PDB file of all heavy atoms in Angstrom:
ATOM      1  N   LEU A   1       0.800  -1.217   0.000  1.00  0.00           N
ATOM      2  CA  LEU A   1       0.000   0.000   0.000  1.00  0.00           C
ATOM      3  C   LEU A   1       0.837   1.272   0.000  1.00  0.00           C
ATOM      4  O   LEU A   1       0.303   2.368  -0.124  1.00  0.00           O
ATOM      5  CB  LEU A   1      -0.918   0.019   1.228  1.00  0.00           C
ATOM      6  CG  LEU A   1      -2.078  -0.967   1.246  1.00  0.00           C
ATOM      7  CD1 LEU A   1      -2.698  -1.023   2.634  1.00  0.00           C
ATOM      8  CD2 LEU A   1      -3.121  -0.574   0.217  1.00  0.00           C
ATOM      9  N   HIS A   2       2.134   1.135   0.170  1.00  0.00           N
ATOM     10  CA  HIS A   2       2.984   2.305   0.377  1.00  0.00           C
ATOM     11  C   HIS A   2       2.931   3.266  -0.807  1.00  0.00           C
ATOM     12  O   HIS A   2       2.888   2.863  -1.955  1.00  0.00           O
ATOM     13  CB  HIS A   2       4.434   1.869   0.601  1.00  0.00           C
ATOM     14  CG  HIS A   2       5.345   2.999   0.948  1.00  0.00           C
ATOM     15  ND1 HIS A   2       6.118   3.649   0.002  1.00  0.00           N
ATOM     16  CD2 HIS A   2       5.612   3.611   2.120  1.00  0.00           C
ATOM     17  CE1 HIS A   2       6.816   4.605   0.591  1.00  0.00           C
ATOM     18  NE2 HIS A   2       6.527   4.600   1.875  1.00  0.00           N
ATOM     19  N   ARG A   3       2.909   4.553  -0.490  1.00  0.00           N
ATOM     20  CA  ARG A   3       2.939   5.599  -1.513  1.00  0.00           C
ATOM     21  C   ARG A   3       3.465   6.873  -0.858  1.00  0.00           C
ATOM     22  O   ARG A   3       3.582   6.963   0.366  1.00  0.00           O
ATOM     23  CB  ARG A   3       1.548   5.832  -2.086  1.00  0.00           C
ATOM     24  CG  ARG A   3       0.588   6.436  -1.067  1.00  0.00           C
ATOM     25  CD  ARG A   3      -0.817   6.558  -1.593  1.00  0.00           C
ATOM     26  NE  ARG A   3      -1.661   7.150  -0.569  1.00  0.00           N
ATOM     27  CZ  ARG A   3      -2.970   6.954  -0.501  1.00  0.00           C
ATOM     28  NH1 ARG A   3      -3.569   6.168  -1.350  1.00  0.00           N
ATOM     29  NH2 ARG A   3      -3.678   7.539   0.445  1.00  0.00           N
ATOM     30  N   ASP A   4       3.742   7.868  -1.683  1.00  0.00           N
ATOM     31  CA  ASP A   4       4.316   9.115  -1.182  1.00  0.00           C
ATOM     32  C   ASP A   4       3.352  10.292  -1.203  1.00  0.00           C
ATOM     33  O   ASP A   4       3.576  11.280  -0.500  1.00  0.00           O
ATOM     34  CB  ASP A   4       5.563   9.472  -1.991  1.00  0.00           C
ATOM     35  CG  ASP A   4       6.676   8.457  -1.800  1.00  0.00           C
ATOM     36  OD1 ASP A   4       6.869   8.009  -0.655  1.00  0.00           O
ATOM     37  OD2 ASP A   4       7.339   8.102  -2.788  1.00  0.00           O
ATOM     38  N   ASP A   5       2.287  10.246  -1.994  1.00  0.00           N
ATOM     39  CA  ASP A   5       1.413  11.417  -2.122  1.00  0.00           C
ATOM     40  C   ASP A   5      -0.047  11.004  -2.306  1.00  0.00           C
ATOM     41  O   ASP A   5      -0.427  10.503  -3.368  1.00  0.00           O
ATOM     42  CB  ASP A   5       1.858  12.258  -3.322  1.00  0.00           C
ATOM     43  CG  ASP A   5       1.107  13.583  -3.416  1.00  0.00           C
ATOM     44  OD1 ASP A   5       0.621  14.061  -2.363  1.00  0.00           O
ATOM     45  OD2 ASP A   5       1.007  14.122  -4.527  1.00  0.00           O
ATOM     46  N   PRO A   6      -0.901  11.272  -1.263  1.00  0.00           N
ATOM     47  CA  PRO A   6      -0.503  11.611   0.096  1.00  0.00           C
ATOM     48  C   PRO A   6       0.211  10.427   0.739  1.00  0.00           C
ATOM     49  O   PRO A   6      -0.047   9.280   0.346  1.00  0.00           O
ATOM     50  CB  PRO A   6      -1.837  11.919   0.798  1.00  0.00           C
ATOM     51  CG  PRO A   6      -2.863  11.199   0.002  1.00  0.00           C
ATOM     52  CD  PRO A   6      -2.375  11.151  -1.400  1.00  0.00           C
ATOM     53  N   PRO A   7       1.084  10.688   1.671  1.00  0.00           N
ATOM     54  CA  PRO A   7       1.972   9.628   2.142  1.00  0.00           C
ATOM     55  C   PRO A   7       1.261   8.561   2.966  1.00  0.00           C
ATOM     56  O   PRO A   7       0.299   8.830   3.680  1.00  0.00           O
ATOM     57  CB  PRO A   7       2.982  10.391   3.008  1.00  0.00           C
ATOM     58  CG  PRO A   7       2.227  11.597   3.476  1.00  0.00           C
ATOM     59  CD  PRO A   7       1.338  11.978   2.337  1.00  0.00           C
ATOM     60  N   ILE A   8       1.745   7.329   2.837  1.00  0.00           N
ATOM     61  CA  ILE A   8       1.403   6.249   3.757  1.00  0.00           C
ATOM     62  C   ILE A   8       2.686   5.854   4.467  1.00  0.00           C
ATOM     63  O   ILE A   8       3.654   5.417   3.840  1.00  0.00           O
ATOM     64  CB  ILE A   8       0.789   5.040   3.037  1.00  0.00           C
ATOM     65  CG1 ILE A   8      -0.598   5.397   2.496  1.00  0.00           C
ATOM     66  CG2 ILE A   8       0.686   3.847   3.982  1.00  0.00           C
ATOM     67  CD1 ILE A   8      -1.313   4.252   1.809  1.00  0.00           C
ATOM     68  N   VAL A   9       2.710   6.059   5.766  1.00  0.00           N
ATOM     69  CA  VAL A   9       3.873   5.755   6.591  1.00  0.00           C
ATOM     70  C   VAL A   9       3.741   4.324   7.100  1.00  0.00           C
ATOM     71  O   VAL A   9       2.725   3.960   7.703  1.00  0.00           O
ATOM     72  CB  VAL A   9       3.975   6.734   7.783  1.00  0.00           C
ATOM     73  CG1 VAL A   9       5.114   6.337   8.714  1.00  0.00           C
ATOM     74  CG2 VAL A   9       4.172   8.154   7.275  1.00  0.00           C
ATOM     75  N   VAL A  10       4.750   3.499   6.860  1.00  0.00           N
ATOM     76  CA  VAL A  10       4.765   2.121   7.333  1.00  0.00           C
ATOM     77  C   VAL A  10       5.477   2.082   8.675  1.00  0.00           C
ATOM     78  O   VAL A  10       6.676   2.356   8.767  1.00  0.00           O
ATOM     79  CB  VAL A  10       5.465   1.194   6.324  1.00  0.00           C
ATOM     80  CG1 VAL A  10       5.581  -0.221   6.886  1.00  0.00           C
ATOM     81  CG2 VAL A  10       4.692   1.172   5.009  1.00  0.00           C
ATOM     82  N   SER A  11       4.728   1.754   9.706  1.00  0.00           N
ATOM     83  CA  SER A  11       5.249   1.780  11.071  1.00  0.00           C
ATOM     84  C   SER A  11       5.351   0.366  11.625  1.00  0.00           C
ATOM     85  O   SER A  11       4.370  -0.388  11.617  1.00  0.00           O
ATOM     86  CB  SER A  11       4.315   2.616  11.962  1.00  0.00           C
ATOM     87  OG  SER A  11       4.751   2.595  13.298  1.00  0.00           O
ATOM     88  N   GLY A  12       6.522  -0.002  12.089  1.00  0.00           N
ATOM     89  CA  GLY A  12       6.726  -1.306  12.714  1.00  0.00           C
ATOM     90  C   GLY A  12       6.224  -1.267  14.145  1.00  0.00           C
ATOM     91  O   GLY A  12       6.772  -0.539  14.975  1.00  0.00           O
ATOM     92  N   CYS A  13       5.196  -2.043  14.446  1.00  0.00           N
ATOM     93  CA  CYS A  13       4.538  -1.962  15.750  1.00  0.00           C
ATOM     94  C   CYS A  13       5.178  -2.916  16.756  1.00  0.00           C
ATOM     95  O   CYS A  13       5.354  -4.112  16.487  1.00  0.00           O
ATOM     96  CB  CYS A  13       3.058  -2.285  15.590  1.00  0.00           C
ATOM     97  SG  CYS A  13       2.113  -2.070  17.113  1.00  0.00           S
ATOM     98  N   VAL A  14       5.488  -2.370  17.919  1.00  0.00           N
ATOM     99  CA  VAL A  14       6.060  -3.130  19.034  1.00  0.00           C
ATOM    100  C   VAL A  14       5.130  -2.976  20.229  1.00  0.00           C
ATOM    101  O   VAL A  14       4.650  -1.875  20.512  1.00  0.00           O
ATOM    102  CB  VAL A  14       7.468  -2.598  19.382  1.00  0.00           C
ATOM    103  CG1 VAL A  14       8.028  -3.299  20.605  1.00  0.00           C
ATOM    104  CG2 VAL A  14       8.410  -2.762  18.196  1.00  0.00           C
ATOM    105  N   GLY A  15       4.872  -4.070  20.919  1.00  0.00           N
ATOM    106  CA  GLY A  15       4.030  -4.016  22.109  1.00  0.00           C
ATOM    107  C   GLY A  15       4.820  -4.240  23.375  1.00  0.00           C
ATOM    108  O   GLY A  15       6.002  -4.594  23.337  1.00  0.00           O
ATOM    109  N   PRO A  16       4.192  -4.054  24.510  1.00  0.00           N
ATOM    110  CA  PRO A  16       4.881  -4.271  25.782  1.00  0.00           C
ATOM    111  C   PRO A  16       5.209  -5.742  25.996  1.00  0.00           C
ATOM    112  O   PRO A  16       4.506  -6.631  25.497  1.00  0.00           O
ATOM    113  CB  PRO A  16       3.874  -3.777  26.822  1.00  0.00           C
ATOM    114  CG  PRO A  16       2.546  -3.975  26.169  1.00  0.00           C
ATOM    115  CD  PRO A  16       2.770  -3.701  24.703  1.00  0.00           C
ATOM    116  N   ARG A  17       6.258  -6.006  26.738  1.00  0.00           N
ATOM    117  CA  ARG A  17       6.588  -7.400  27.054  1.00  0.00           C
ATOM    118  C   ARG A  17       5.509  -8.027  27.924  1.00  0.00           C
ATOM    119  O   ARG A  17       5.168  -9.197  27.768  1.00  0.00           O
ATOM    120  CB  ARG A  17       7.937  -7.470  27.761  1.00  0.00           C
ATOM    121  CG  ARG A  17       8.379  -8.904  28.062  1.00  0.00           C
ATOM    122  CD  ARG A  17       9.755  -8.957  28.690  1.00  0.00           C
ATOM    123  NE  ARG A  17      10.235 -10.329  28.814  1.00  0.00           N
ATOM    124  CZ  ARG A  17      11.448 -10.669  29.246  1.00  0.00           C
ATOM    125  NH1 ARG A  17      12.302  -9.707  29.594  1.00  0.00           N
ATOM    126  NH2 ARG A  17      11.803 -11.934  29.326  1.00  0.00           N
ATOM    127  N   GLY A  18       4.951  -7.230  28.826  1.00  0.00           N
ATOM    128  CA  GLY A  18       3.925  -7.733  29.728  1.00  0.00           C
ATOM    129  C   GLY A  18       2.533  -7.365  29.267  1.00  0.00           C
ATOM    130  O   GLY A  18       2.292  -7.063  28.090  1.00  0.00           O
ATOM    131  N   ASP A  19       1.614  -7.367  30.196  1.00  0.00           N
ATOM    132  CA  ASP A  19       0.224  -7.039  29.931  1.00  0.00           C
ATOM    133  C   ASP A  19       0.105  -5.565  29.575  1.00  0.00           C
ATOM    134  O   ASP A  19       0.691  -4.707  30.223  1.00  0.00           O
ATOM    135  CB  ASP A  19      -0.608  -7.349  31.180  1.00  0.00           C
ATOM    136  CG  ASP A  19      -2.100  -7.342  30.912  1.00  0.00           C
ATOM    137  OD1 ASP A  19      -2.594  -6.336  30.365  1.00  0.00           O
ATOM    138  OD2 ASP A  19      -2.767  -8.321  31.276  1.00  0.00           O
ATOM    139  N   GLY A  20      -0.686  -5.265  28.527  1.00  0.00           N
ATOM    140  CA  GLY A  20      -0.863  -3.875  28.121  1.00  0.00           C
ATOM    141  C   GLY A  20      -1.734  -3.073  29.059  1.00  0.00           C
ATOM    142  O   GLY A  20      -1.848  -1.850  28.908  1.00  0.00           O
ATOM    143  N   TYR A  21      -2.352  -3.733  30.035  1.00  0.00           N
ATOM    144  CA  TYR A  21      -3.223  -3.045  30.992  1.00  0.00           C
ATOM    145  C   TYR A  21      -2.629  -2.996  32.398  1.00  0.00           C
ATOM    146  O   TYR A  21      -3.236  -2.431  33.310  1.00  0.00           O
ATOM    147  CB  TYR A  21      -4.574  -3.750  31.083  1.00  0.00           C
ATOM    148  CG  TYR A  21      -5.515  -3.504  29.926  1.00  0.00           C
ATOM    149  CD1 TYR A  21      -6.721  -4.181  29.846  1.00  0.00           C
ATOM    150  CD2 TYR A  21      -5.212  -2.581  28.912  1.00  0.00           C
ATOM    151  CE1 TYR A  21      -7.603  -3.960  28.796  1.00  0.00           C
ATOM    152  CE2 TYR A  21      -6.074  -2.364  27.863  1.00  0.00           C
ATOM    153  CZ  TYR A  21      -7.277  -3.050  27.805  1.00  0.00           C
ATOM    154  OH  TYR A  21      -8.144  -2.848  26.770  1.00  0.00           O
ATOM    155  N   ALA A  22      -1.474  -3.625  32.619  1.00  0.00           N
ATOM    156  CA  ALA A  22      -0.909  -3.687  33.963  1.00  0.00           C
ATOM    157  C   ALA A  22       0.605  -3.659  33.893  1.00  0.00           C
ATOM    158  O   ALA A  22       1.206  -4.160  32.943  1.00  0.00           O
ATOM    159  CB  ALA A  22      -1.381  -4.956  34.679  1.00  0.00           C
ATOM    160  N   ALA A  23       1.220  -3.083  34.912  1.00  0.00           N
ATOM    161  CA  ALA A  23       2.680  -3.042  35.005  1.00  0.00           C
ATOM    162  C   ALA A  23       3.124  -3.959  36.134  1.00  0.00           C
ATOM    163  O   ALA A  23       3.861  -3.561  37.029  1.00  0.00           O
ATOM    164  CB  ALA A  23       3.150  -1.610  35.249  1.00  0.00           C
ATOM    165  N   ASP A  24       2.671  -5.223  36.072  1.00  0.00           N
ATOM    166  CA  ASP A  24       2.950  -6.137  37.178  1.00  0.00           C
ATOM    167  C   ASP A  24       4.317  -6.795  37.079  1.00  0.00           C
ATOM    168  O   ASP A  24       4.792  -7.393  38.038  1.00  0.00           O
ATOM    169  CB  ASP A  24       1.858  -7.214  37.256  1.00  0.00           C
ATOM    170  CG  ASP A  24       1.557  -7.852  35.909  1.00  0.00           C
ATOM    171  OD1 ASP A  24       2.221  -7.489  34.929  1.00  0.00           O
ATOM    172  OD2 ASP A  24       0.661  -8.712  35.852  1.00  0.00           O
ATOM    173  N   ALA A  25       4.971  -6.730  35.921  1.00  0.00           N
ATOM    174  CA  ALA A  25       6.311  -7.291  35.760  1.00  0.00           C
ATOM    175  C   ALA A  25       7.126  -6.300  34.941  1.00  0.00           C
ATOM    176  O   ALA A  25       6.980  -6.227  33.716  1.00  0.00           O
ATOM    177  CB  ALA A  25       6.250  -8.645  35.059  1.00  0.00           C
ATOM    178  N   THR A  26       7.968  -5.522  35.605  1.00  0.00           N
ATOM    179  CA  THR A  26       8.695  -4.455  34.927  1.00  0.00           C
ATOM    180  C   THR A  26      10.151  -4.850  34.677  1.00  0.00           C
ATOM    181  O   THR A  26      10.697  -5.753  35.312  1.00  0.00           O
ATOM    182  CB  THR A  26       8.652  -3.163  35.748  1.00  0.00           C
ATOM    183  OG1 THR A  26       9.274  -3.387  37.025  1.00  0.00           O
ATOM    184  CG2 THR A  26       7.214  -2.713  35.960  1.00  0.00           C
ATOM    185  N   MET A  27      10.766  -4.147  33.733  1.00  0.00           N
ATOM    186  CA  MET A  27      12.172  -4.357  33.392  1.00  0.00           C
ATOM    187  C   MET A  27      12.946  -3.055  33.555  1.00  0.00           C
ATOM    188  O   MET A  27      12.363  -1.970  33.488  1.00  0.00           O
ATOM    189  CB  MET A  27      12.305  -4.783  31.920  1.00  0.00           C
ATOM    190  CG  MET A  27      11.666  -6.068  31.537  1.00  0.00           C
ATOM    191  SD  MET A  27      11.902  -6.401  29.747  1.00  0.00           S
ATOM    192  CE  MET A  27      10.759  -5.198  29.043  1.00  0.00           C
ATOM    193  N   THR A  28      14.235  -3.182  33.708  1.00  0.00           N
ATOM    194  CA  THR A  28      15.096  -2.010  33.583  1.00  0.00           C
ATOM    195  C   THR A  28      15.173  -1.638  32.104  1.00  0.00           C
ATOM    196  O   THR A  28      14.813  -2.423  31.218  1.00  0.00           O
ATOM    197  CB  THR A  28      16.510  -2.304  34.085  1.00  0.00           C
ATOM    198  OG1 THR A  28      17.097  -3.319  33.253  1.00  0.00           O
ATOM    199  CG2 THR A  28      16.489  -2.786  35.540  1.00  0.00           C
ATOM    200  N   ALA A  29      15.663  -0.446  31.840  1.00  0.00           N
ATOM    201  CA  ALA A  29      15.824  -0.032  30.446  1.00  0.00           C
ATOM    202  C   ALA A  29      16.773  -0.961  29.704  1.00  0.00           C
ATOM    203  O   ALA A  29      16.539  -1.315  28.541  1.00  0.00           O
ATOM    204  CB  ALA A  29      16.328   1.406  30.385  1.00  0.00           C
ATOM    205  N   ALA A  30      17.839  -1.416  30.379  1.00  0.00           N
ATOM    206  CA  ALA A  30      18.800  -2.322  29.742  1.00  0.00           C
ATOM    207  C   ALA A  30      18.152  -3.663  29.408  1.00  0.00           C
ATOM    208  O   ALA A  30      18.386  -4.228  28.331  1.00  0.00           O
ATOM    209  CB  ALA A  30      20.008  -2.524  30.651  1.00  0.00           C
ATOM    210  N   ALA A  31      17.332  -4.172  30.311  1.00  0.00           N
ATOM    211  CA  ALA A  31      16.632  -5.433  30.041  1.00  0.00           C
ATOM    212  C   ALA A  31      15.643  -5.268  28.896  1.00  0.00           C
ATOM    213  O   ALA A  31      15.470  -6.172  28.072  1.00  0.00           O
ATOM    214  CB  ALA A  31      15.928  -5.916  31.304  1.00  0.00           C
ATOM    215  N   ALA A  32      14.991  -4.112  28.827  1.00  0.00           N
ATOM    216  CA  ALA A  32      14.056  -3.843  27.732  1.00  0.00           C
ATOM    217  C   ALA A  32      14.794  -3.790  26.396  1.00  0.00           C
ATOM    218  O   ALA A  32      14.274  -4.264  25.370  1.00  0.00           O
ATOM    219  CB  ALA A  32      13.320  -2.531  27.980  1.00  0.00           C
ATOM    220  N   GLU A  33      15.996  -3.244  26.388  1.00  0.00           N
ATOM    221  CA  GLU A  33      16.798  -3.246  25.164  1.00  0.00           C
ATOM    222  C   GLU A  33      17.045  -4.666  24.689  1.00  0.00           C
ATOM    223  O   GLU A  33      16.868  -4.988  23.511  1.00  0.00           O
ATOM    224  CB  GLU A  33      18.134  -2.542  25.399  1.00  0.00           C
ATOM    225  CG  GLU A  33      18.042  -1.035  25.560  1.00  0.00           C
ATOM    226  CD  GLU A  33      19.414  -0.406  25.718  1.00  0.00           C
ATOM    227  OE1 GLU A  33      20.228  -0.508  24.760  1.00  0.00           O
ATOM    228  OE2 GLU A  33      19.693   0.153  26.787  1.00  0.00           O
ATOM    229  N   ARG A  34      17.459  -5.530  25.603  1.00  0.00           N
ATOM    230  CA  ARG A  34      17.766  -6.915  25.228  1.00  0.00           C
ATOM    231  C   ARG A  34      16.521  -7.628  24.717  1.00  0.00           C
ATOM    232  O   ARG A  34      16.589  -8.377  23.736  1.00  0.00           O
ATOM    233  CB  ARG A  34      18.363  -7.663  26.424  1.00  0.00           C
ATOM    234  CG  ARG A  34      19.754  -7.186  26.827  1.00  0.00           C
ATOM    235  CD  ARG A  34      20.393  -8.108  27.835  1.00  0.00           C
ATOM    236  NE  ARG A  34      19.695  -8.106  29.113  1.00  0.00           N
ATOM    237  CZ  ARG A  34      19.957  -7.268  30.114  1.00  0.00           C
ATOM    238  NH1 ARG A  34      20.895  -6.345  29.979  1.00  0.00           N
ATOM    239  NH2 ARG A  34      19.291  -7.337  31.256  1.00  0.00           N
ATOM    240  N   TYR A  35      15.387  -7.410  25.365  1.00  0.00           N
ATOM    241  CA  TYR A  35      14.175  -8.113  24.970  1.00  0.00           C
ATOM    242  C   TYR A  35      13.675  -7.663  23.603  1.00  0.00           C
ATOM    243  O   TYR A  35      13.304  -8.491  22.759  1.00  0.00           O
ATOM    244  CB  TYR A  35      13.070  -7.911  26.016  1.00  0.00           C
ATOM    245  CG  TYR A  35      11.787  -8.616  25.605  1.00  0.00           C
ATOM    246  CD1 TYR A  35      11.653  -9.985  25.771  1.00  0.00           C
ATOM    247  CD2 TYR A  35      10.738  -7.912  25.021  1.00  0.00           C
ATOM    248  CE1 TYR A  35      10.495 -10.648  25.366  1.00  0.00           C
ATOM    249  CE2 TYR A  35       9.575  -8.559  24.612  1.00  0.00           C
ATOM    250  CZ  TYR A  35       9.469  -9.928  24.789  1.00  0.00           C
ATOM    251  OH  TYR A  35       8.327 -10.577  24.364  1.00  0.00           O
ATOM    252  N   HIS A  36      13.633  -6.362  23.366  1.00  0.00           N
ATOM    253  CA  HIS A  36      13.021  -5.837  22.142  1.00  0.00           C
ATOM    254  C   HIS A  36      13.968  -5.777  20.944  1.00  0.00           C
ATOM    255  O   HIS A  36      13.513  -5.570  19.818  1.00  0.00           O
ATOM    256  CB  HIS A  36      12.447  -4.440  22.418  1.00  0.00           C
ATOM    257  CG  HIS A  36      11.236  -4.460  23.295  1.00  0.00           C
ATOM    258  ND1 HIS A  36      10.030  -4.951  22.874  1.00  0.00           N
ATOM    259  CD2 HIS A  36      11.054  -4.056  24.587  1.00  0.00           C
ATOM    260  CE1 HIS A  36       9.131  -4.850  23.858  1.00  0.00           C
ATOM    261  NE2 HIS A  36       9.735  -4.316  24.901  1.00  0.00           N
ATOM    262  N   GLU A  37      15.262  -5.958  21.177  1.00  0.00           N
ATOM    263  CA  GLU A  37      16.244  -5.858  20.093  1.00  0.00           C
ATOM    264  C   GLU A  37      15.938  -6.773  18.904  1.00  0.00           C
ATOM    265  O   GLU A  37      15.950  -6.312  17.748  1.00  0.00           O
ATOM    266  CB  GLU A  37      17.651  -6.158  20.615  1.00  0.00           C
ATOM    267  CG  GLU A  37      18.726  -6.195  19.545  1.00  0.00           C
ATOM    268  CD  GLU A  37      19.466  -4.874  19.414  1.00  0.00           C
ATOM    269  OE1 GLU A  37      19.729  -4.237  20.438  1.00  0.00           O
ATOM    270  OE2 GLU A  37      19.770  -4.493  18.263  1.00  0.00           O
TER     271      GLU A  37
END
């Protein structure tokens, strides 16, 4: 579907490692880097 006029931006979607409604299991920023890399 990609085009330039009007533009369609292709965005790579990343979700949370845990539940999107709760922060019951958190990571440090460094751990998040390793997981999402």
